[in-house]
Amino acid sequence: MARRIDVTGAGGVRLAAWEFGDPPKTDRAHDPALSPAPSSSGGADLPGVLLLHGLMGRASHWAPTARWLSARHRAVALDQRGHGRSDKAPQAAYTRDAYVEDAEAALEQLGLGPAVVIGHAMGALTGWQLAAKRPDLVRGLIICDMRASALGTASQHTWTEWFRAWPVPFATLADVRKWFGEDDPWVERPNRARGEFYAEVMAESPDGWRPVFEPEQMLRSRETWVYDAHWEELAQVRCPTLVVRGLDGELGRAEAQEMVRVLPNGQYAEVADAGHLVHYDQPEAWRTAIEPFLNTLATA
């Protein structure tokens, strides 16, 4: 079962946060000040985890991880602005500062901090920028397949052309799964998990299946970070941090290990047979990779 909790982000943007599954009950009475949302009736005494999806993702992509975490944590996944069930207002800011301030607001309004922040791709960048800005809110960080180097103009152009290549609307969800899992020019070999990932961000409309986000807003979001390197903020992250990469992902081993070196308290892990969508490609191996790190935080 998924429970929705409304959060007010930067500039008044309405954000949807989600708890998946029932968190364990605790002995101490629930303190409304710790978790003001009436939908969260348990787990206030448990250490908090905030899960941040990547560009085009949604909170539900974290559902298996969140359910696994809920045995020992209060795990909340956030639909970031422009994504999932959160606001997609055309006039809203889709900047780095806005995404970081949204995550900051979620931690404060949900009473999760100091929390472990787990981010994939753009969500990981948000996580480490938040940890640098508000170390009081982040006690541990997991970075999943996100580069710290600048990607440049060519990368943004490639993404623009890729969005134009989508054959929307899709007639069926099966067509979505086939195109993103097999026919997409970006797919080197058939990838069932990738097809499922994109099927999860589609919604039915009168003429077929379309993404729940606006591609233009995704490009606006991306252009606020794609041209710059982000090593400086990475070096400011003081909490324990685990950098995880898929063996066939977008984050290369050399860059990942350099990120670990730059981090004051960094660790490294990689997941075999996984691409960019590490937690989605290989969920069991992903959990195996991050569990020792989480255990260390629990005993710190």
C-alpha atoms as a PDB file:
ATOM      1  CA  MET A   1       0.000   0.000   0.000  1.00  0.00           C
ATOM      2  CA  ALA A   2       1.228   3.511  -0.811  1.00  0.00           C
ATOM      3  CA  ARG A   3       0.332   6.495   1.351  1.00  0.00           C
ATOM      4  CA  ARG A   4       0.591   9.980  -0.058  1.00  0.00           C
ATOM      5  CA  ILE A   5       1.817  12.900   2.042  1.00  0.00           C
ATOM      6  CA  ASP A   6       1.614  16.438   0.651  1.00  0.00           C
ATOM      7  CA  VAL A   7       4.674  18.645   0.980  1.00  0.00           C
ATOM      8  CA  THR A   8       5.026  22.315   0.072  1.00  0.00           C
ATOM      9  CA  GLY A   9       8.202  22.917  -1.880  1.00  0.00           C
ATOM     10  CA  ALA A  10      10.099  26.019  -2.941  1.00  0.00           C
ATOM     11  CA  GLY A  11       7.864  28.767  -4.282  1.00  0.00           C
ATOM     12  CA  GLY A  12       4.761  27.018  -2.961  1.00  0.00           C
ATOM     13  CA  VAL A  13       4.977  24.117  -5.434  1.00  0.00           C
ATOM     14  CA  ARG A  14       2.883  21.175  -4.221  1.00  0.00           C
ATOM     15  CA  LEU A  15       4.887  17.979  -3.959  1.00  0.00           C
ATOM     16  CA  ALA A  16       3.698  14.411  -3.413  1.00  0.00           C
ATOM     17  CA  ALA A  17       5.720  12.244  -1.019  1.00  0.00           C
ATOM     18  CA  TRP A  18       5.012   8.544  -0.602  1.00  0.00           C
ATOM     19  CA  GLU A  19       5.415   5.850   2.022  1.00  0.00           C
ATOM     20  CA  PHE A  20       5.246   2.309   0.627  1.00  0.00           C
ATOM     21  CA  GLY A  21       4.106  -0.387   3.028  1.00  0.00           C
ATOM     22  CA  ASP A  22       3.440  -0.092   6.731  1.00  0.00           C
ATOM     23  CA  PRO A  23       6.394   1.027   8.840  1.00  0.00           C
ATOM     24  CA  PRO A  24       6.882  -0.913  12.087  1.00  0.00           C
ATOM     25  CA  LYS A  25       5.173   0.467  15.162  1.00  0.00           C
ATOM     26  CA  THR A  26       7.346   1.893  17.924  1.00  0.00           C
ATOM     27  CA  ASP A  27       7.015   1.842  21.702  1.00  0.00           C
ATOM     28  CA  ARG A  28       7.189   5.596  22.137  1.00  0.00           C
ATOM     29  CA  ALA A  29       3.977   7.553  21.513  1.00  0.00           C
ATOM     30  CA  HIS A  30       3.742   9.173  18.103  1.00  0.00           C
ATOM     31  CA  ASP A  31       4.855  12.789  18.229  1.00  0.00           C
ATOM     32  CA  PRO A  32       2.908  14.946  15.738  1.00  0.00           C
ATOM     33  CA  ALA A  33       5.786  17.420  15.698  1.00  0.00           C
ATOM     34  CA  LEU A  34       8.017  14.751  14.206  1.00  0.00           C
ATOM     35  CA  SER A  35       5.638  13.832  11.412  1.00  0.00           C
ATOM     36  CA  PRO A  36       2.829  16.301  10.887  1.00  0.00           C
ATOM     37  CA  ALA A  37       1.128  14.364   8.108  1.00  0.00           C
ATOM     38  CA  PRO A  38      -1.926  12.493   9.419  1.00  0.00           C
ATOM     39  CA  SER A  39      -1.319   9.675   6.936  1.00  0.00           C
ATOM     40  CA  SER A  40       1.904   8.691   8.721  1.00  0.00           C
ATOM     41  CA  SER A  41       0.685   6.988  11.862  1.00  0.00           C
ATOM     42  CA  GLY A  42       3.756   4.945  12.671  1.00  0.00           C
ATOM     43  CA  GLY A  43       7.515   4.916  12.450  1.00  0.00           C
ATOM     44  CA  ALA A  44       8.251   8.346  13.915  1.00  0.00           C
ATOM     45  CA  ASP A  45      11.016   6.910  16.108  1.00  0.00           C
ATOM     46  CA  LEU A  46      12.742   5.155  13.210  1.00  0.00           C
ATOM     47  CA  PRO A  47      15.706   6.703  11.382  1.00  0.00           C
ATOM     48  CA  GLY A  48      14.519   8.560   8.308  1.00  0.00           C
ATOM     49  CA  VAL A  49      15.364   7.872   4.677  1.00  0.00           C
ATOM     50  CA  LEU A  50      14.513  10.190   1.785  1.00  0.00           C
ATOM     51  CA  LEU A  51      14.558   8.616  -1.686  1.00  0.00           C
ATOM     52  CA  LEU A  52      15.036  10.897  -4.698  1.00  0.00           C
ATOM     53  CA  HIS A  53      14.423   9.598  -8.241  1.00  0.00           C
ATOM     54  CA  GLY A  54      16.279  10.782 -11.303  1.00  0.00           C
ATOM     55  CA  LEU A  55      15.172  12.899 -14.251  1.00  0.00           C
ATOM     56  CA  MET A  56      11.884  11.551 -15.691  1.00  0.00           C
ATOM     57  CA  GLY A  57      11.529   9.156 -12.769  1.00  0.00           C
ATOM     58  CA  ARG A  58       8.920   9.010 -10.052  1.00  0.00           C
ATOM     59  CA  ALA A  59       8.679   7.965  -6.427  1.00  0.00           C
ATOM     60  CA  SER A  60       7.136   4.589  -7.290  1.00  0.00           C
ATOM     61  CA  HIS A  61      10.425   3.538  -8.911  1.00  0.00           C
ATOM     62  CA  TRP A  62      11.730   3.327  -5.342  1.00  0.00           C
ATOM     63  CA  ALA A  63       8.829   1.204  -4.038  1.00  0.00           C
ATOM     64  CA  PRO A  64      10.755  -2.106  -3.690  1.00  0.00           C
ATOM     65  CA  THR A  65      13.686  -0.356  -1.998  1.00  0.00           C
ATOM     66  CA  ALA A  66      11.358   1.606   0.286  1.00  0.00           C
ATOM     67  CA  ARG A  67       9.450  -1.521   1.338  1.00  0.00           C
ATOM     68  CA  TRP A  68      12.727  -3.271   2.118  1.00  0.00           C
ATOM     69  CA  LEU A  69      13.979  -0.281   4.101  1.00  0.00           C
ATOM     70  CA  SER A  70      10.731   0.053   6.064  1.00  0.00           C
ATOM     71  CA  ALA A  71      11.700  -2.849   8.322  1.00  0.00           C
ATOM     72  CA  ARG A  72      14.166  -0.565  10.085  1.00  0.00           C
ATOM     73  CA  HIS A  73      13.579   2.929   8.707  1.00  0.00           C
ATOM     74  CA  ARG A  74      10.882   5.418   7.939  1.00  0.00           C
ATOM     75  CA  ALA A  75      11.442   5.553   4.198  1.00  0.00           C
ATOM     76  CA  VAL A  76       9.750   8.260   2.136  1.00  0.00           C
ATOM     77  CA  ALA A  77      10.097   8.689  -1.632  1.00  0.00           C
ATOM     78  CA  LEU A  78       9.480  12.106  -3.155  1.00  0.00           C
ATOM     79  CA  ASP A  79       7.930  12.916  -6.516  1.00  0.00           C
ATOM     80  CA  GLN A  80      10.136  15.854  -7.421  1.00  0.00           C
ATOM     81  CA  ARG A  81       8.660  18.938  -9.068  1.00  0.00           C
ATOM     82  CA  GLY A  82       7.558  18.272 -12.625  1.00  0.00           C
ATOM     83  CA  HIS A  83       7.458  14.528 -11.958  1.00  0.00           C
ATOM     84  CA  GLY A  84       4.926  11.914 -10.873  1.00  0.00           C
ATOM     85  CA  ARG A  85       1.986  13.403  -8.958  1.00  0.00           C
ATOM     86  CA  SER A  86       3.769  16.621  -8.002  1.00  0.00           C
ATOM     87  CA  ASP A  87       2.973  19.986  -9.565  1.00  0.00           C
ATOM     88  CA  LYS A  88       4.121  20.640 -13.116  1.00  0.00           C
ATOM     89  CA  ALA A  89       3.288  24.344 -13.284  1.00  0.00           C
ATOM     90  CA  PRO A  90       4.829  25.936 -16.397  1.00  0.00           C
ATOM     91  CA  GLN A  91       5.805  29.058 -14.445  1.00  0.00           C
ATOM     92  CA  ALA A  92       7.580  27.143 -11.665  1.00  0.00           C
ATOM     93  CA  ALA A  93      11.365  27.191 -11.345  1.00  0.00           C
ATOM     94  CA  TYR A  94      13.137  24.064 -12.579  1.00  0.00           C
ATOM     95  CA  THR A  95      16.532  25.018 -11.223  1.00  0.00           C
ATOM     96  CA  ARG A  96      19.131  23.288  -9.076  1.00  0.00           C
ATOM     97  CA  ASP A  97      18.246  25.542  -6.145  1.00  0.00           C
ATOM     98  CA  ALA A  98      14.553  24.691  -6.450  1.00  0.00           C
ATOM     99  CA  TYR A  99      15.159  20.925  -6.439  1.00  0.00           C
ATOM    100  CA  VAL A 100      17.490  21.178  -3.450  1.00  0.00           C
ATOM    101  CA  GLU A 101      15.075  23.417  -1.550  1.00  0.00           C
ATOM    102  CA  ASP A 102      12.255  20.952  -2.251  1.00  0.00           C
ATOM    103  CA  ALA A 103      14.252  18.093  -0.714  1.00  0.00           C
ATOM    104  CA  GLU A 104      15.128  20.329   2.234  1.00  0.00           C
ATOM    105  CA  ALA A 105      11.440  21.162   2.720  1.00  0.00           C
ATOM    106  CA  ALA A 106      10.467  17.486   2.540  1.00  0.00           C
ATOM    107  CA  LEU A 107      12.944  16.508   5.261  1.00  0.00           C
ATOM    108  CA  GLU A 108      11.798  19.322   7.517  1.00  0.00           C
ATOM    109  CA  GLN A 109       8.054  18.977   6.987  1.00  0.00           C
ATOM    110  CA  LEU A 110       8.111  15.189   7.318  1.00  0.00           C
ATOM    111  CA  GLY A 111      10.367  15.254  10.358  1.00  0.00           C
ATOM    112  CA  LEU A 112      12.824  12.855   8.708  1.00  0.00           C
ATOM    113  CA  GLY A 113      16.087  14.635   9.427  1.00  0.00           C
ATOM    114  CA  PRO A 114      18.826  13.930  10.035  1.00  0.00           C
ATOM    115  CA  ALA A 115      18.142  11.311   7.381  1.00  0.00           C
ATOM    116  CA  VAL A 116      19.912   9.024   4.971  1.00  0.00           C
ATOM    117  CA  VAL A 117      19.343  10.455   1.504  1.00  0.00           C
ATOM    118  CA  ILE A 118      19.398   7.976  -1.382  1.00  0.00           C
ATOM    119  CA  GLY A 119      19.398   9.484  -4.843  1.00  0.00           C
ATOM    120  CA  HIS A 120      19.521   8.135  -8.368  1.00  0.00           C
ATOM    121  CA  ALA A 121      21.047  10.227 -11.172  1.00  0.00           C
ATOM    122  CA  MET A 122      19.707  13.800 -10.880  1.00  0.00           C
ATOM    123  CA  GLY A 123      18.262  12.852  -7.490  1.00  0.00           C
ATOM    124  CA  ALA A 124      21.776  11.926  -6.349  1.00  0.00           C
ATOM    125  CA  LEU A 125      23.060  15.346  -7.407  1.00  0.00           C
ATOM    126  CA  THR A 126      20.236  16.930  -5.420  1.00  0.00           C
ATOM    127  CA  GLY A 127      21.219  14.733  -2.487  1.00  0.00           C
ATOM    128  CA  TRP A 128      24.860  15.740  -2.371  1.00  0.00           C
ATOM    129  CA  GLN A 129      24.088  19.421  -2.925  1.00  0.00           C
ATOM    130  CA  LEU A 130      21.610  19.232  -0.050  1.00  0.00           C
ATOM    131  CA  ALA A 131      24.157  17.459   2.158  1.00  0.00           C
ATOM    132  CA  ALA A 132      26.699  20.208   1.443  1.00  0.00           C
ATOM    133  CA  LYS A 133      24.141  22.932   2.171  1.00  0.00           C
ATOM    134  CA  ARG A 134      22.404  21.401   5.196  1.00  0.00           C
ATOM    135  CA  PRO A 135      24.668  18.884   6.951  1.00  0.00           C
ATOM    136  CA  ASP A 136      22.289  18.972   9.911  1.00  0.00           C
ATOM    137  CA  LEU A 137      19.616  17.286   7.775  1.00  0.00           C
ATOM    138  CA  VAL A 138      21.710  14.536   6.152  1.00  0.00           C
ATOM    139  CA  ARG A 139      23.531  11.911   8.224  1.00  0.00           C
ATOM    140  CA  GLY A 140      24.351   9.609   5.331  1.00  0.00           C
ATOM    141  CA  LEU A 141      24.181   9.692   1.546  1.00  0.00           C
ATOM    142  CA  ILE A 142      23.982   7.111  -1.238  1.00  0.00           C
ATOM    143  CA  ILE A 143      24.818   8.337  -4.745  1.00  0.00           C
ATOM    144  CA  CYS A 144      23.518   6.035  -7.462  1.00  0.00           C
ATOM    145  CA  ASP A 145      25.060   6.368 -10.944  1.00  0.00           C
ATOM    146  CA  MET A 146      25.474  10.144 -11.189  1.00  0.00           C
ATOM    147  CA  ARG A 147      28.472  11.894 -12.670  1.00  0.00           C
ATOM    148  CA  ALA A 148      30.169  14.907 -11.076  1.00  0.00           C
ATOM    149  CA  SER A 149      31.755  16.116 -14.311  1.00  0.00           C
ATOM    150  CA  ALA A 150      30.169  18.488 -16.804  1.00  0.00           C
ATOM    151  CA  LEU A 151      28.384  16.800 -19.703  1.00  0.00           C
ATOM    152  CA  GLY A 152      28.242  19.802 -22.027  1.00  0.00           C
ATOM    153  CA  THR A 153      26.263  21.226 -24.916  1.00  0.00           C
ATOM    154  CA  ALA A 154      26.405  18.108 -27.067  1.00  0.00           C
ATOM    155  CA  SER A 155      24.743  16.086 -24.327  1.00  0.00           C
ATOM    156  CA  GLN A 156      21.829  18.520 -24.057  1.00  0.00           C
ATOM    157  CA  HIS A 157      21.400  18.500 -27.838  1.00  0.00           C
ATOM    158  CA  THR A 158      21.367  14.689 -27.851  1.00  0.00           C
ATOM    159  CA  TRP A 159      18.635  14.648 -25.223  1.00  0.00           C
ATOM    160  CA  THR A 160      16.552  17.165 -27.178  1.00  0.00           C
ATOM    161  CA  GLU A 161      16.747  14.988 -30.288  1.00  0.00           C
ATOM    162  CA  TRP A 162      15.979  11.868 -28.259  1.00  0.00           C
ATOM    163  CA  PHE A 163      12.744  13.332 -26.911  1.00  0.00           C
ATOM    164  CA  ARG A 164      11.729  14.238 -30.473  1.00  0.00           C
ATOM    165  CA  ALA A 165      12.275  10.625 -31.518  1.00  0.00           C
ATOM    166  CA  TRP A 166       9.704   9.238 -29.069  1.00  0.00           C
ATOM    167  CA  PRO A 167       6.758   7.826 -31.071  1.00  0.00           C
ATOM    168  CA  VAL A 168       4.109   9.389 -28.817  1.00  0.00           C
ATOM    169  CA  PRO A 169       1.354   8.696 -28.238  1.00  0.00           C
ATOM    170  CA  PHE A 170       1.958   4.992 -27.702  1.00  0.00           C
ATOM    171  CA  ALA A 171      -1.050   2.837 -28.531  1.00  0.00           C
ATOM    172  CA  THR A 172      -0.547   0.473 -25.582  1.00  0.00           C
ATOM    173  CA  LEU A 173       1.735  -0.036 -22.603  1.00  0.00           C
ATOM    174  CA  ALA A 174       3.143  -3.041 -24.427  1.00  0.00           C
ATOM    175  CA  ASP A 175       4.279  -0.633 -27.138  1.00  0.00           C
ATOM    176  CA  VAL A 176       5.933   1.541 -24.477  1.00  0.00           C
ATOM    177  CA  ARG A 177       7.799  -1.445 -23.051  1.00  0.00           C
ATOM    178  CA  LYS A 178       8.917  -2.605 -26.494  1.00  0.00           C
ATOM    179  CA  TRP A 179      10.128   0.784 -27.702  1.00  0.00           C
ATOM    180  CA  PHE A 180      12.116   1.693 -24.585  1.00  0.00           C
ATOM    181  CA  GLY A 181      13.267  -1.860 -23.974  1.00  0.00           C
ATOM    182  CA  GLU A 182      14.185  -2.813 -27.563  1.00  0.00           C
ATOM    183  CA  ASP A 183      13.583  -0.263 -30.327  1.00  0.00           C
ATOM    184  CA  ASP A 184      14.933   2.954 -28.785  1.00  0.00           C
ATOM    185  CA  PRO A 185      18.206   3.877 -30.569  1.00  0.00           C
ATOM    186  CA  TRP A 186      19.747   4.420 -27.118  1.00  0.00           C
ATOM    187  CA  VAL A 187      19.277   0.720 -26.275  1.00  0.00           C
ATOM    188  CA  GLU A 188      22.390  -1.308 -27.065  1.00  0.00           C
ATOM    189  CA  ARG A 189      20.695  -4.632 -26.331  1.00  0.00           C
ATOM    190  CA  PRO A 190      17.182  -5.624 -25.171  1.00  0.00           C
ATOM    191  CA  ASN A 191      16.548  -4.412 -21.645  1.00  0.00           C
ATOM    192  CA  ARG A 192      13.255  -5.494 -20.102  1.00  0.00           C
ATOM    193  CA  ALA A 193      13.774  -3.452 -16.931  1.00  0.00           C
ATOM    194  CA  ARG A 194      14.217  -0.272 -18.976  1.00  0.00           C
ATOM    195  CA  GLY A 195      10.928  -0.922 -20.755  1.00  0.00           C
ATOM    196  CA  GLU A 196       9.175  -1.396 -17.406  1.00  0.00           C
ATOM    197  CA  PHE A 197      10.810   1.739 -16.005  1.00  0.00           C
ATOM    198  CA  TYR A 198       9.366   3.925 -18.754  1.00  0.00           C
ATOM    199  CA  ALA A 199       5.996   2.192 -18.714  1.00  0.00           C
ATOM    200  CA  GLU A 200       5.733   3.372 -15.120  1.00  0.00           C
ATOM    201  CA  VAL A 201       5.982   7.028 -16.160  1.00  0.00           C
ATOM    202  CA  MET A 202       3.205   6.839 -18.731  1.00  0.00           C
ATOM    203  CA  ALA A 203      -0.464   7.714 -18.291  1.00  0.00           C
ATOM    204  CA  GLU A 204      -3.382   6.952 -20.553  1.00  0.00           C
ATOM    205  CA  SER A 205      -4.856   9.870 -22.506  1.00  0.00           C
ATOM    206  CA  PRO A 206      -7.679   9.978 -25.060  1.00  0.00           C
ATOM    207  CA  ASP A 207      -5.275   9.330 -27.936  1.00  0.00           C
ATOM    208  CA  GLY A 208      -2.964   6.813 -26.257  1.00  0.00           C
ATOM    209  CA  TRP A 209      -0.191   6.668 -23.638  1.00  0.00           C
ATOM    210  CA  ARG A 210       1.919   9.736 -22.926  1.00  0.00           C
ATOM    211  CA  PRO A 211       4.533  10.602 -20.275  1.00  0.00           C
ATOM    212  CA  VAL A 212       3.283  12.048 -17.003  1.00  0.00           C
ATOM    213  CA  PHE A 213       5.924  14.778 -17.316  1.00  0.00           C
ATOM    214  CA  GLU A 214       6.487  17.527 -19.873  1.00  0.00           C
ATOM    215  CA  PRO A 215       9.673  16.845 -21.889  1.00  0.00           C
ATOM    216  CA  GLU A 216      10.335  20.594 -22.097  1.00  0.00           C
ATOM    217  CA  GLN A 217      10.386  20.814 -18.298  1.00  0.00           C
ATOM    218  CA  MET A 218      12.820  17.895 -18.184  1.00  0.00           C
ATOM    219  CA  LEU A 219      15.155  19.718 -20.557  1.00  0.00           C
ATOM    220  CA  ARG A 220      14.824  22.915 -18.516  1.00  0.00           C
ATOM    221  CA  SER A 221      15.694  20.945 -15.386  1.00  0.00           C
ATOM    222  CA  ARG A 222      18.671  19.315 -17.037  1.00  0.00           C
ATOM    223  CA  GLU A 223      20.141  22.497 -18.499  1.00  0.00           C
ATOM    224  CA  THR A 224      20.607  23.893 -14.987  1.00  0.00           C
ATOM    225  CA  TRP A 225      23.243  21.261 -14.200  1.00  0.00           C
ATOM    226  CA  VAL A 226      24.480  19.629 -17.386  1.00  0.00           C
ATOM    227  CA  TYR A 227      26.938  22.400 -18.343  1.00  0.00           C
ATOM    228  CA  ASP A 228      28.719  22.546 -14.986  1.00  0.00           C
ATOM    229  CA  ALA A 229      30.946  20.231 -12.993  1.00  0.00           C
ATOM    230  CA  HIS A 230      29.871  19.516  -9.400  1.00  0.00           C
ATOM    231  CA  TRP A 231      33.076  18.482  -7.677  1.00  0.00           C
ATOM    232  CA  GLU A 232      33.114  21.489  -5.354  1.00  0.00           C
ATOM    233  CA  GLU A 233      29.823  20.596  -3.670  1.00  0.00           C
ATOM    234  CA  LEU A 234      30.900  16.950  -3.524  1.00  0.00           C
ATOM    235  CA  ALA A 235      33.996  17.951  -1.556  1.00  0.00           C
ATOM    236  CA  GLN A 236      31.760  19.750   0.958  1.00  0.00           C
ATOM    237  CA  VAL A 237      29.773  16.623   1.865  1.00  0.00           C
ATOM    238  CA  ARG A 238      30.956  15.630   5.352  1.00  0.00           C
ATOM    239  CA  CYS A 239      28.635  12.722   6.103  1.00  0.00           C
ATOM    240  CA  PRO A 240      29.452   9.100   5.191  1.00  0.00           C
ATOM    241  CA  THR A 241      28.718   8.653   1.480  1.00  0.00           C
ATOM    242  CA  LEU A 242      28.468   5.564  -0.707  1.00  0.00           C
ATOM    243  CA  VAL A 243      28.975   5.940  -4.464  1.00  0.00           C
ATOM    244  CA  VAL A 244      27.261   3.099  -6.359  1.00  0.00           C
ATOM    245  CA  ARG A 245      27.555   2.486 -10.073  1.00  0.00           C
ATOM    246  CA  GLY A 246      26.131  -0.056 -12.444  1.00  0.00           C
ATOM    247  CA  LEU A 247      28.901  -1.878 -14.258  1.00  0.00           C
ATOM    248  CA  ASP A 248      27.316  -0.817 -17.577  1.00  0.00           C
ATOM    249  CA  GLY A 249      25.941   2.487 -16.305  1.00  0.00           C
ATOM    250  CA  GLU A 250      26.702   6.096 -17.198  1.00  0.00           C
ATOM    251  CA  LEU A 251      29.130   6.639 -14.327  1.00  0.00           C
ATOM    252  CA  GLY A 252      32.495   5.151 -15.255  1.00  0.00           C
ATOM    253  CA  ARG A 253      34.660   3.378 -12.705  1.00  0.00           C
ATOM    254  CA  ALA A 254      37.505   5.917 -12.870  1.00  0.00           C
ATOM    255  CA  GLU A 255      35.174   8.863 -12.282  1.00  0.00           C
ATOM    256  CA  ALA A 256      33.315   7.032  -9.516  1.00  0.00           C
ATOM    257  CA  GLN A 257      36.564   6.288  -7.717  1.00  0.00           C
ATOM    258  CA  GLU A 258      37.656   9.904  -8.127  1.00  0.00           C
ATOM    259  CA  MET A 259      34.349  10.968  -6.561  1.00  0.00           C
ATOM    260  CA  VAL A 260      35.108   8.688  -3.623  1.00  0.00           C
ATOM    261  CA  ARG A 261      38.557  10.277  -3.311  1.00  0.00           C
ATOM    262  CA  VAL A 262      37.108  13.804  -3.362  1.00  0.00           C
ATOM    263  CA  LEU A 263      34.471  12.978  -0.776  1.00  0.00           C
ATOM    264  CA  PRO A 264      35.781  13.479   2.774  1.00  0.00           C
ATOM    265  CA  ASN A 265      34.105  10.233   3.874  1.00  0.00           C
ATOM    266  CA  GLY A 266      33.444   8.295   0.696  1.00  0.00           C
ATOM    267  CA  GLN A 267      33.016   4.602  -0.078  1.00  0.00           C
ATOM    268  CA  TYR A 268      32.572   2.715  -3.335  1.00  0.00           C
ATOM    269  CA  ALA A 269      30.367  -0.113  -4.599  1.00  0.00           C
ATOM    270  CA  GLU A 270      29.375  -1.417  -8.001  1.00  0.00           C
ATOM    271  CA  VAL A 271      26.620  -3.715  -9.219  1.00  0.00           C
ATOM    272  CA  ALA A 272      27.314  -6.243 -11.957  1.00  0.00           C
ATOM    273  CA  ASP A 273      24.866  -6.772 -14.836  1.00  0.00           C
ATOM    274  CA  ALA A 274      23.305  -3.368 -14.156  1.00  0.00           C
ATOM    275  CA  GLY A 275      23.092  -0.288 -16.332  1.00  0.00           C
ATOM    276  CA  HIS A 276      22.145   3.230 -15.373  1.00  0.00           C
ATOM    277  CA  LEU A 277      18.936   2.061 -13.667  1.00  0.00           C
ATOM    278  CA  VAL A 278      20.899   0.158 -11.033  1.00  0.00           C
ATOM    279  CA  HIS A 279      18.148  -0.241  -8.423  1.00  0.00           C
ATOM    280  CA  TYR A 280      15.652  -1.173 -11.139  1.00  0.00           C
ATOM    281  CA  ASP A 281      17.908  -3.476 -13.178  1.00  0.00           C
ATOM    282  CA  GLN A 282      19.196  -5.583 -10.288  1.00  0.00           C
ATOM    283  CA  PRO A 283      17.126  -4.911  -7.143  1.00  0.00           C
ATOM    284  CA  GLU A 284      18.578  -7.753  -5.063  1.00  0.00           C
ATOM    285  CA  ALA A 285      22.175  -6.926  -5.959  1.00  0.00           C
ATOM    286  CA  TRP A 286      21.425  -3.252  -5.290  1.00  0.00           C
ATOM    287  CA  ARG A 287      20.194  -4.063  -1.795  1.00  0.00           C
ATOM    288  CA  THR A 288      23.239  -6.243  -1.186  1.00  0.00           C
ATOM    289  CA  ALA A 289      25.500  -3.361  -2.248  1.00  0.00           C
ATOM    290  CA  ILE A 290      23.974  -0.763   0.064  1.00  0.00           C
ATOM    291  CA  GLU A 291      23.091  -2.872   3.115  1.00  0.00           C
ATOM    292  CA  PRO A 292      26.578  -2.914   4.716  1.00  0.00           C
ATOM    293  CA  PHE A 293      26.745   0.874   4.418  1.00  0.00           C
ATOM    294  CA  LEU A 294      23.332   1.286   6.034  1.00  0.00           C
ATOM    295  CA  ASN A 295      24.327  -1.119   8.794  1.00  0.00           C
ATOM    296  CA  THR A 296      27.410   0.975   9.511  1.00  0.00           C
ATOM    297  CA  LEU A 297      25.262   4.105   9.808  1.00  0.00           C
ATOM    298  CA  ALA A 298      22.907   2.280  12.203  1.00  0.00           C
ATOM    299  CA  THR A 299      25.744   1.509  14.599  1.00  0.00           C
ATOM    300  CA  ALA A 300      27.515   4.859  14.310  1.00  0.00           C
END
